[in-house]
Amino acid sequence: MNAIITVVGSDKVGIIANVSSFLAEHKINIADITQTILSGNFVMMMMVSFENADIDIDGLRNSLSKKADEMGVEINVMSEKVFSAMHRV
């Protein structure tokens, strides 16, 4: 299963490192990533694979919510299937 993770917040050092190291700890592979700065706001989108993960999507969502609070950003996790269905033209 794949999921889409979005991270949005004020730009600061360590956002990518914090999120990617957390994913690595749980054996979640980053399949694709893009990030940019828009008017001083950090915006990142990742597609991740749960193929070897030791946590499910709900556990990831809960854990990243806590991490988001610590970092002062907003993190959302959505199943790739749901994301694709929502963005179908």
Protein backbone atom coordinates (compact mmCIF):
# COMPACT_ATOMS: atom_id res chain seq x y z
CA MET A 1 0.00 0.00 0.00
CA ASN A 2 1.10 3.55 -0.73
CA ALA A 3 0.20 6.77 1.04
CA ILE A 4 0.58 10.48 0.40
CA ILE A 5 2.07 12.61 3.17
CA THR A 6 1.86 16.39 3.04
CA VAL A 7 3.76 18.73 5.34
CA VAL A 8 3.02 22.46 5.48
CA GLY A 9 4.33 25.12 7.87
CA SER A 10 6.78 27.90 8.44
CA ASP A 11 10.16 27.06 6.95
CA LYS A 12 12.77 25.95 9.49
CA VAL A 13 15.76 23.67 9.68
CA GLY A 14 15.11 19.95 10.14
CA ILE A 15 11.60 19.39 8.79
CA ILE A 16 12.68 16.96 6.07
CA ALA A 17 15.19 15.28 8.39
CA ASN A 18 12.64 14.78 11.17
CA VAL A 19 9.94 13.33 8.92
CA SER A 20 12.25 11.15 6.82
CA SER A 21 14.11 9.73 9.84
CA PHE A 22 10.77 8.85 11.49
CA LEU A 23 9.70 7.05 8.30
CA ALA A 24 13.03 5.20 8.13
CA GLU A 25 12.65 4.05 11.75
CA HIS A 26 9.39 2.37 10.75
CA LYS A 27 10.72 0.91 7.48
CA ILE A 28 8.49 3.15 5.36
CA ASN A 29 10.13 3.84 2.01
CA ILE A 30 9.93 7.27 0.38
CA ALA A 31 9.04 6.48 -3.24
CA ASP A 32 8.79 10.11 -4.39
CA ILE A 33 9.23 13.50 -2.77
CA THR A 34 8.87 17.13 -3.73
CA GLN A 35 9.27 20.23 -1.61
CA THR A 36 9.28 23.97 -2.12
CA ILE A 37 9.08 27.22 -0.23
CA LEU A 38 6.02 29.38 -1.01
CA SER A 39 6.07 32.88 0.53
CA GLY A 40 8.14 31.63 3.47
CA ASN A 41 6.01 28.51 3.96
CA PHE A 42 7.55 25.07 3.65
CA VAL A 43 5.44 22.70 1.50
CA MET A 44 6.36 19.03 1.01
CA MET A 45 4.54 16.10 -0.56
CA MET A 46 5.77 12.52 -0.33
CA MET A 47 4.55 9.24 -1.72
CA VAL A 48 5.54 6.45 0.63
CA SER A 49 5.36 2.67 0.50
CA PHE A 50 4.23 0.50 3.43
CA GLU A 51 5.59 -2.69 1.83
CA ASN A 52 7.98 -3.46 4.74
CA ALA A 53 6.53 -1.09 7.34
CA ASP A 54 6.15 -2.05 10.98
CA ILE A 55 3.26 0.42 11.45
CA ASP A 56 -0.08 0.81 9.67
CA ILE A 57 -1.50 4.00 8.15
CA ASP A 58 -3.56 4.86 11.25
CA GLY A 59 -0.53 4.44 13.49
CA LEU A 60 1.50 6.58 11.11
CA ARG A 61 -1.20 9.26 11.07
CA ASN A 62 -1.32 9.38 14.89
CA SER A 63 2.46 9.39 15.33
CA LEU A 64 3.03 12.06 12.69
CA SER A 65 0.31 14.20 14.24
CA LYS A 66 2.34 14.27 17.48
CA LYS A 67 5.54 14.98 15.55
CA ALA A 68 3.76 17.81 13.69
CA ASP A 69 2.81 19.42 17.00
CA GLU A 70 6.43 19.21 18.17
CA MET A 71 7.70 20.80 14.92
CA GLY A 72 4.95 23.40 14.60
CA VAL A 73 3.79 22.19 11.17
CA GLU A 74 0.72 20.46 9.77
CA ILE A 75 1.15 16.87 8.54
CA ASN A 76 -1.57 14.94 6.73
CA VAL A 77 -1.49 11.27 5.71
CA MET A 78 -3.86 9.85 3.12
CA SER A 79 -4.08 6.54 1.30
CA GLU A 80 -2.90 6.89 -2.30
CA LYS A 81 -6.18 5.38 -3.51
CA VAL A 82 -8.24 7.96 -1.61
CA PHE A 83 -5.94 10.77 -2.78
CA SER A 84 -6.23 9.67 -6.42
CA ALA A 85 -10.02 9.36 -6.21
CA MET A 86 -10.31 12.85 -4.71
CA HIS A 87 -8.18 14.41 -7.44
CA ARG A 88 -9.67 12.67 -10.45
CA VAL A 89 -10.83 15.18 -13.07
